[in-house]
């Protein structure tokens, strides 16, 4: 809204890209609008157990994003 500034947008920027999948998110404020872009991609239908750590990296980034908050403060 007019007269407010979003804080915590930097905390919403994630970029995890590995052989198993991708999770990226970007957040920015332009004028009175906050834009958040998210992409979560699994590169295969199934993975071998030795790829589990990479899969967890993608899932953890996605979960951590969901736990972040934006605070609107008067400018």
PDB file of N, CA and C in Angstrom:
ATOM      1  N   UNK A   1       0.821  -1.211   0.000  1.00  0.00           N
ATOM      2  CA  UNK A   1       0.000   0.000   0.000  1.00  0.00           C
ATOM      3  C   UNK A   1       0.856   1.262   0.000  1.00  0.00           C
ATOM      4  N   UNK A   2       0.235   2.372  -0.346  1.00  0.00           N
ATOM      5  CA  UNK A   2       0.949   3.648  -0.343  1.00  0.00           C
ATOM      6  C   UNK A   2       1.507   3.935   1.042  1.00  0.00           C
ATOM      7  N   UNK A   3       2.759   4.414   1.067  1.00  0.00           N
ATOM      8  CA  UNK A   3       3.381   4.805   2.317  1.00  0.00           C
ATOM      9  C   UNK A   3       4.002   3.674   3.120  1.00  0.00           C
ATOM     10  N   UNK A   4       4.040   2.461   2.562  1.00  0.00           N
ATOM     11  CA  UNK A   4       4.629   1.327   3.265  1.00  0.00           C
ATOM     12  C   UNK A   4       5.800   0.753   2.480  1.00  0.00           C
ATOM     13  N   UNK A   5       6.752   0.200   3.197  1.00  0.00           N
ATOM     14  CA  UNK A   5       7.908  -0.452   2.587  1.00  0.00           C
ATOM     15  C   UNK A   5       8.009  -1.873   3.136  1.00  0.00           C
ATOM     16  N   UNK A   6       8.271  -2.818   2.252  1.00  0.00           N
ATOM     17  CA  UNK A   6       8.400  -4.221   2.659  1.00  0.00           C
ATOM     18  C   UNK A   6       9.813  -4.476   3.160  1.00  0.00           C
ATOM     19  N   UNK A   7       9.913  -5.122   4.330  1.00  0.00           N
ATOM     20  CA  UNK A   7      11.206  -5.520   4.875  1.00  0.00           C
ATOM     21  C   UNK A   7      11.290  -7.039   4.902  1.00  0.00           C
ATOM     22  N   UNK A   8      12.482  -7.554   4.705  1.00  0.00           N
ATOM     23  CA  UNK A   8      12.686  -9.000   4.725  1.00  0.00           C
ATOM     24  C   UNK A   8      12.650  -9.634   3.352  1.00  0.00           C
ATOM     25  N   UNK A   9      12.647  -8.825   2.302  1.00  0.00           N
ATOM     26  CA  UNK A   9      12.592  -9.387   0.953  1.00  0.00           C
ATOM     27  C   UNK A   9      13.869 -10.139   0.600  1.00  0.00           C
ATOM     28  N   UNK A  10      15.010  -9.689   1.120  1.00  0.00           N
ATOM     29  CA  UNK A  10      16.269 -10.392   0.826  1.00  0.00           C
ATOM     30  C   UNK A  10      16.237 -11.824   1.335  1.00  0.00           C
ATOM     31  N   UNK A  11      15.503 -12.055   2.412  1.00  0.00           N
ATOM     32  CA  UNK A  11      15.420 -13.401   2.986  1.00  0.00           C
ATOM     33  C   UNK A  11      14.627 -14.364   2.105  1.00  0.00           C
ATOM     34  N   UNK A  12      13.907 -13.843   1.120  1.00  0.00           N
ATOM     35  CA  UNK A  12      13.101 -14.684   0.233  1.00  0.00           C
ATOM     36  C   UNK A  12      13.841 -15.092  -1.033  1.00  0.00           C
ATOM     37  N   UNK A  13      15.091 -14.672  -1.174  1.00  0.00           N
ATOM     38  CA  UNK A  13      15.873 -15.016  -2.361  1.00  0.00           C
ATOM     39  C   UNK A  13      16.653 -16.304  -2.125  1.00  0.00           C
ATOM     40  N   UNK A  14      16.289 -17.337  -2.871  1.00  0.00           N
ATOM     41  CA  UNK A  14      16.931 -18.647  -2.777  1.00  0.00           C
ATOM     42  C   UNK A  14      17.352 -19.088  -4.165  1.00  0.00           C
ATOM     43  N   UNK A  15      18.439 -19.856  -4.244  1.00  0.00           N
ATOM     44  CA  UNK A  15      18.856 -20.436  -5.515  1.00  0.00           C
ATOM     45  C   UNK A  15      19.591 -21.744  -5.236  1.00  0.00           C
ATOM     46  N   UNK A  16      18.908 -22.856  -5.443  1.00  0.00           N
ATOM     47  CA  UNK A  16      19.508 -24.179  -5.326  1.00  0.00           C
ATOM     48  C   UNK A  16      19.297 -24.867  -6.670  1.00  0.00           C
ATOM     49  N   UNK A  17      20.388 -25.266  -7.306  1.00  0.00           N
ATOM     50  CA  UNK A  17      20.307 -25.951  -8.595  1.00  0.00           C
ATOM     51  C   UNK A  17      21.358 -27.051  -8.591  1.00  0.00           C
ATOM     52  N   UNK A  18      20.896 -28.291  -8.713  1.00  0.00           N
ATOM     53  CA  UNK A  18      21.826 -29.414  -8.741  1.00  0.00           C
ATOM     54  C   UNK A  18      21.310 -30.460  -9.727  1.00  0.00           C
ATOM     55  N   UNK A  19      21.915 -31.627  -9.734  1.00  0.00           N
ATOM     56  CA  UNK A  19      21.567 -32.663 -10.705  1.00  0.00           C
ATOM     57  C   UNK A  19      20.163 -33.227 -10.496  1.00  0.00           C
ATOM     58  N   UNK A  20      19.598 -33.049  -9.310  1.00  0.00           N
ATOM     59  CA  UNK A  20      18.296 -33.626  -8.976  1.00  0.00           C
ATOM     60  C   UNK A  20      17.152 -32.646  -9.238  1.00  0.00           C
ATOM     61  N   UNK A  21      17.354 -31.372  -8.910  1.00  0.00           N
ATOM     62  CA  UNK A  21      16.272 -30.404  -9.066  1.00  0.00           C
ATOM     63  C   UNK A  21      16.734 -28.981  -8.870  1.00  0.00           C
ATOM     64  N   UNK A  22      15.767 -28.086  -8.932  1.00  0.00           N
ATOM     65  CA  UNK A  22      16.028 -26.663  -8.804  1.00  0.00           C
ATOM     66  C   UNK A  22      14.946 -26.019  -7.950  1.00  0.00           C
ATOM     67  N   UNK A  23      15.356 -25.133  -7.063  1.00  0.00           N
ATOM     68  CA  UNK A  23      14.418 -24.254  -6.377  1.00  0.00           C
ATOM     69  C   UNK A  23      15.002 -22.859  -6.403  1.00  0.00           C
ATOM     70  N   UNK A  24      14.291 -21.942  -7.036  1.00  0.00           N
ATOM     71  CA  UNK A  24      14.724 -20.552  -7.077  1.00  0.00           C
ATOM     72  C   UNK A  24      13.553 -19.654  -6.693  1.00  0.00           C
ATOM     73  N   UNK A  25      13.880 -18.601  -5.998  1.00  0.00           N
ATOM     74  CA  UNK A  25      12.872 -17.595  -5.662  1.00  0.00           C
ATOM     75  C   UNK A  25      13.550 -16.236  -5.619  1.00  0.00           C
ATOM     76  N   UNK A  26      12.828 -15.241  -6.103  1.00  0.00           N
ATOM     77  CA  UNK A  26      13.303 -13.864  -6.054  1.00  0.00           C
ATOM     78  C   UNK A  26      12.161 -12.985  -5.578  1.00  0.00           C
ATOM     79  N   UNK A  27      12.492 -11.987  -4.803  1.00  0.00           N
ATOM     80  CA  UNK A  27      11.488 -11.055  -4.293  1.00  0.00           C
ATOM     81  C   UNK A  27      12.027  -9.642  -4.439  1.00  0.00           C
ATOM     82  N   UNK A  28      11.146  -8.745  -4.892  1.00  0.00           N
ATOM     83  CA  UNK A  28      11.547  -7.351  -5.044  1.00  0.00           C
ATOM     84  C   UNK A  28      10.330  -6.450  -4.888  1.00  0.00           C
ATOM     85  N   UNK A  29      10.605  -5.209  -4.519  1.00  0.00           N
ATOM     86  CA  UNK A  29       9.544  -4.219  -4.406  1.00  0.00           C
ATOM     87  C   UNK A  29       9.796  -3.142  -5.438  1.00  0.00           C
ATOM     88  N   UNK A  30       8.784  -2.892  -6.254  1.00  0.00           N
ATOM     89  CA  UNK A  30       8.819  -1.801  -7.230  1.00  0.00           C
ATOM     90  C   UNK A  30       7.630  -0.907  -6.944  1.00  0.00           C
ATOM     91  N   UNK A  31       7.905   0.260  -6.431  1.00  0.00           N
ATOM     92  CA  UNK A  31       6.818   1.162  -6.074  1.00  0.00           C
ATOM     93  C   UNK A  31       5.976   0.566  -4.957  1.00  0.00           C
ATOM     94  N   UNK A  32       4.692   0.387  -5.222  1.00  0.00           N
ATOM     95  CA  UNK A  32       3.778  -0.151  -4.210  1.00  0.00           C
ATOM     96  C   UNK A  32       3.510  -1.638  -4.396  1.00  0.00           C
ATOM     97  N   UNK A  33       4.299  -2.294  -5.232  1.00  0.00           N
ATOM     98  CA  UNK A  33       4.054  -3.699  -5.547  1.00  0.00           C
ATOM     99  C   UNK A  33       5.233  -4.564  -5.123  1.00  0.00           C
ATOM    100  N   UNK A  34       4.936  -5.666  -4.438  1.00  0.00           N
ATOM    101  CA  UNK A  34       5.947  -6.665  -4.099  1.00  0.00           C
ATOM    102  C   UNK A  34       5.748  -7.831  -5.060  1.00  0.00           C
ATOM    103  N   UNK A  35       6.810  -8.199  -5.780  1.00  0.00           N
ATOM    104  CA  UNK A  35       6.762  -9.316  -6.723  1.00  0.00           C
ATOM    105  C   UNK A  35       7.621 -10.454  -6.200  1.00  0.00           C
ATOM    106  N   UNK A  36       7.032 -11.646  -6.169  1.00  0.00           N
ATOM    107  CA  UNK A  36       7.751 -12.843  -5.743  1.00  0.00           C
ATOM    108  C   UNK A  36       7.615 -13.878  -6.847  1.00  0.00           C
ATOM    109  N   UNK A  37       8.750 -14.350  -7.341  1.00  0.00           N
ATOM    110  CA  UNK A  37       8.764 -15.368  -8.395  1.00  0.00           C
ATOM    111  C   UNK A  37       9.406 -16.630  -7.833  1.00  0.00           C
ATOM    112  N   UNK A  38       8.728 -17.767  -8.050  1.00  0.00           N
ATOM    113  CA  UNK A  38       9.183 -19.038  -7.504  1.00  0.00           C
ATOM    114  C   UNK A  38       9.178 -20.093  -8.597  1.00  0.00           C
ATOM    115  N   UNK A  39      10.222 -20.928  -8.596  1.00  0.00           N
ATOM    116  CA  UNK A  39      10.268 -22.078  -9.509  1.00  0.00           C
ATOM    117  C   UNK A  39      10.831 -23.272  -8.741  1.00  0.00           C
ATOM    118  N   UNK A  40      10.103 -24.380  -8.791  1.00  0.00           N
ATOM    119  CA  UNK A  40      10.554 -25.626  -8.171  1.00  0.00           C
ATOM    120  C   UNK A  40      10.434 -26.706  -9.244  1.00  0.00           C
ATOM    121  N   UNK A  41      11.584 -27.304  -9.604  1.00  0.00           N
ATOM    122  CA  UNK A  41      11.627 -28.262 -10.704  1.00  0.00           C
ATOM    123  C   UNK A  41      12.347 -29.523 -10.256  1.00  0.00           C
ATOM    124  N   UNK A  42      11.695 -30.656 -10.479  1.00  0.00           N
ATOM    125  CA  UNK A  42      12.349 -31.949 -10.282  1.00  0.00           C
ATOM    126  C   UNK A  42      12.818 -32.415 -11.657  1.00  0.00           C
ATOM    127  N   UNK A  43      14.087 -32.773 -11.782  1.00  0.00           N
ATOM    128  CA  UNK A  43      14.656 -33.084 -13.094  1.00  0.00           C
ATOM    129  C   UNK A  43      14.431 -34.523 -13.541  1.00  0.00           C
ATOM    130  N   UNK A  44      14.031 -35.401 -12.609  1.00  0.00           N
ATOM    131  CA  UNK A  44      13.791 -36.802 -12.941  1.00  0.00           C
ATOM    132  C   UNK A  44      12.565 -37.305 -12.185  1.00  0.00           C
ATOM    133  N   UNK A  45      11.996 -38.402 -12.665  1.00  0.00           N
ATOM    134  CA  UNK A  45      10.852 -39.011 -11.975  1.00  0.00           C
ATOM    135  C   UNK A  45      11.266 -39.766 -10.723  1.00  0.00           C
ATOM    136  N   UNK A  46      12.470 -40.306 -10.712  1.00  0.00           N
ATOM    137  CA  UNK A  46      12.970 -41.028  -9.537  1.00  0.00           C
ATOM    138  C   UNK A  46      14.475 -40.808  -9.428  1.00  0.00           C
ATOM    139  N   UNK A  47      14.981 -41.002  -8.217  1.00  0.00           N
ATOM    140  CA  UNK A  47      16.406 -40.798  -7.957  1.00  0.00           C
ATOM    141  C   UNK A  47      16.973 -42.005  -7.209  1.00  0.00           C
ATOM    142  N   UNK A  48      18.241 -42.245  -7.409  1.00  0.00           N
ATOM    143  CA  UNK A  48      18.933 -43.289  -6.652  1.00  0.00           C
ATOM    144  C   UNK A  48      19.258 -42.759  -5.261  1.00  0.00           C
ATOM    145  N   UNK A  49      19.482 -43.672  -4.327  1.00  0.00           N
ATOM    146  CA  UNK A  49      19.690 -43.246  -2.942  1.00  0.00           C
ATOM    147  C   UNK A  49      20.933 -42.396  -2.758  1.00  0.00           C
ATOM    148  N   UNK A  50      21.931 -42.516  -3.627  1.00  0.00           N
ATOM    149  CA  UNK A  50      23.126 -41.680  -3.485  1.00  0.00           C
ATOM    150  C   UNK A  50      22.856 -40.212  -3.877  1.00  0.00           C
ATOM    151  N   UNK A  51      21.695 -39.928  -4.461  1.00  0.00           N
ATOM    152  CA  UNK A  51      21.301 -38.548  -4.810  1.00  0.00           C
ATOM    153  C   UNK A  51      20.423 -37.914  -3.727  1.00  0.00           C
ATOM    154  N   UNK A  52      20.166 -38.646  -2.644  1.00  0.00           N
ATOM    155  CA  UNK A  52      19.248 -38.184  -1.608  1.00  0.00           C
ATOM    156  C   UNK A  52      19.651 -36.829  -1.031  1.00  0.00           C
ATOM    157  N   UNK A  53      20.940 -36.613  -0.787  1.00  0.00           N
ATOM    158  CA  UNK A  53      21.413 -35.344  -0.217  1.00  0.00           C
ATOM    159  C   UNK A  53      21.046 -34.174  -1.128  1.00  0.00           C
ATOM    160  N   UNK A  54      21.209 -34.352  -2.433  1.00  0.00           N
ATOM    161  CA  UNK A  54      20.868 -33.272  -3.363  1.00  0.00           C
ATOM    162  C   UNK A  54      19.367 -33.011  -3.388  1.00  0.00           C
ATOM    163  N   UNK A  55      18.574 -34.070  -3.293  1.00  0.00           N
ATOM    164  CA  UNK A  55      17.120 -33.895  -3.232  1.00  0.00           C
ATOM    165  C   UNK A  55      16.731 -33.139  -1.962  1.00  0.00           C
ATOM    166  N   UNK A  56      17.362 -33.470  -0.847  1.00  0.00           N
ATOM    167  CA  UNK A  56      17.083 -32.766   0.405  1.00  0.00           C
ATOM    168  C   UNK A  56      17.458 -31.291   0.328  1.00  0.00           C
ATOM    169  N   UNK A  57      18.517 -30.960  -0.391  1.00  0.00           N
ATOM    170  CA  UNK A  57      18.902 -29.556  -0.562  1.00  0.00           C
ATOM    171  C   UNK A  57      17.776 -28.758  -1.219  1.00  0.00           C
ATOM    172  N   UNK A  58      17.163 -29.335  -2.250  1.00  0.00           N
ATOM    173  CA  UNK A  58      16.058 -28.671  -2.950  1.00  0.00           C
ATOM    174  C   UNK A  58      14.837 -28.562  -2.029  1.00  0.00           C
ATOM    175  N   UNK A  59      14.506 -29.654  -1.353  1.00  0.00           N
ATOM    176  CA  UNK A  59      13.340 -29.653  -0.462  1.00  0.00           C
ATOM    177  C   UNK A  59      13.529 -28.714   0.725  1.00  0.00           C
ATOM    178  N   UNK A  60      14.738 -28.672   1.285  1.00  0.00           N
ATOM    179  CA  UNK A  60      15.014 -27.780   2.411  1.00  0.00           C
ATOM    180  C   UNK A  60      14.896 -26.315   2.003  1.00  0.00           C
ATOM    181  N   UNK A  61      15.391 -25.973   0.813  1.00  0.00           N
ATOM    182  CA  UNK A  61      15.278 -24.594   0.336  1.00  0.00           C
ATOM    183  C   UNK A  61      13.813 -24.207   0.186  1.00  0.00           C
ATOM    184  N   UNK A  62      13.019 -25.116  -0.352  1.00  0.00           N
ATOM    185  CA  UNK A  62      11.588 -24.865  -0.516  1.00  0.00           C
ATOM    186  C   UNK A  62      10.904 -24.670   0.833  1.00  0.00           C
ATOM    187  N   UNK A  63      11.208 -25.523   1.785  1.00  0.00           N
ATOM    188  CA  UNK A  63      10.616 -25.403   3.124  1.00  0.00           C
ATOM    189  C   UNK A  63      11.061 -24.112   3.801  1.00  0.00           C
ATOM    190  N   UNK A  64      12.353 -23.810   3.742  1.00  0.00           N
ATOM    191  CA  UNK A  64      12.861 -22.595   4.383  1.00  0.00           C
ATOM    192  C   UNK A  64      12.204 -21.351   3.797  1.00  0.00           C
ATOM    193  N   UNK A  65      11.962 -21.349   2.489  1.00  0.00           N
ATOM    194  CA  UNK A  65      11.257 -20.236   1.865  1.00  0.00           C
ATOM    195  C   UNK A  65       9.871 -20.074   2.476  1.00  0.00           C
ATOM    196  N   UNK A  66       9.179 -21.187   2.688  1.00  0.00           N
ATOM    197  CA  UNK A  66       7.808 -21.128   3.199  1.00  0.00           C
ATOM    198  C   UNK A  66       7.741 -20.600   4.628  1.00  0.00           C
ATOM    199  N   UNK A  67       8.846 -20.598   5.341  1.00  0.00           N
ATOM    200  CA  UNK A  67       8.869 -20.142   6.726  1.00  0.00           C
ATOM    201  C   UNK A  67       9.248 -18.667   6.872  1.00  0.00           C
ATOM    202  N   UNK A  68       9.609 -18.001   5.790  1.00  0.00           N
ATOM    203  CA  UNK A  68      10.012 -16.595   5.834  1.00  0.00           C
ATOM    204  C   UNK A  68       8.796 -15.687   5.843  1.00  0.00           C
ATOM    205  N   UNK A  69       8.984 -14.475   6.357  1.00  0.00           N
ATOM    206  CA  UNK A  69       7.904 -13.505   6.455  1.00  0.00           C
ATOM    207  C   UNK A  69       8.346 -12.153   5.912  1.00  0.00           C
ATOM    208  N   UNK A  70       7.373 -11.398   5.443  1.00  0.00           N
ATOM    209  CA  UNK A  70       7.591 -10.027   4.998  1.00  0.00           C
ATOM    210  C   UNK A  70       6.897  -9.112   6.006  1.00  0.00           C
ATOM    211  N   UNK A  71       7.575  -8.048   6.379  1.00  0.00           N
ATOM    212  CA  UNK A  71       6.990  -7.071   7.300  1.00  0.00           C
ATOM    213  C   UNK A  71       6.774  -5.781   6.524  1.00  0.00           C
ATOM    214  N   UNK A  72       5.566  -5.234   6.609  1.00  0.00           N
ATOM    215  CA  UNK A  72       5.265  -3.945   5.985  1.00  0.00           C
ATOM    216  C   UNK A  72       5.374  -2.851   7.049  1.00  0.00           C
ATOM    217  N   UNK A  73       6.269  -1.886   6.791  1.00  0.00           N
ATOM    218  CA  UNK A  73       6.469  -0.778   7.737  1.00  0.00           C
ATOM    219  C   UNK A  73       6.181   0.532   7.018  1.00  0.00           C
ATOM    220  N   UNK A  74       5.703   1.492   7.787  1.00  0.00           N
ATOM    221  CA  UNK A  74       5.462   2.816   7.209  1.00  0.00           C
ATOM    222  C   UNK A  74       6.795   3.419   6.786  1.00  0.00           C
ATOM    223  N   UNK A  75       6.783   3.985   5.590  1.00  0.00           N
ATOM    224  CA  UNK A  75       8.019   4.573   5.043  1.00  0.00           C
ATOM    225  C   UNK A  75       8.200   5.985   5.544  1.00  0.00           C
TER     226      UNK A  75
END
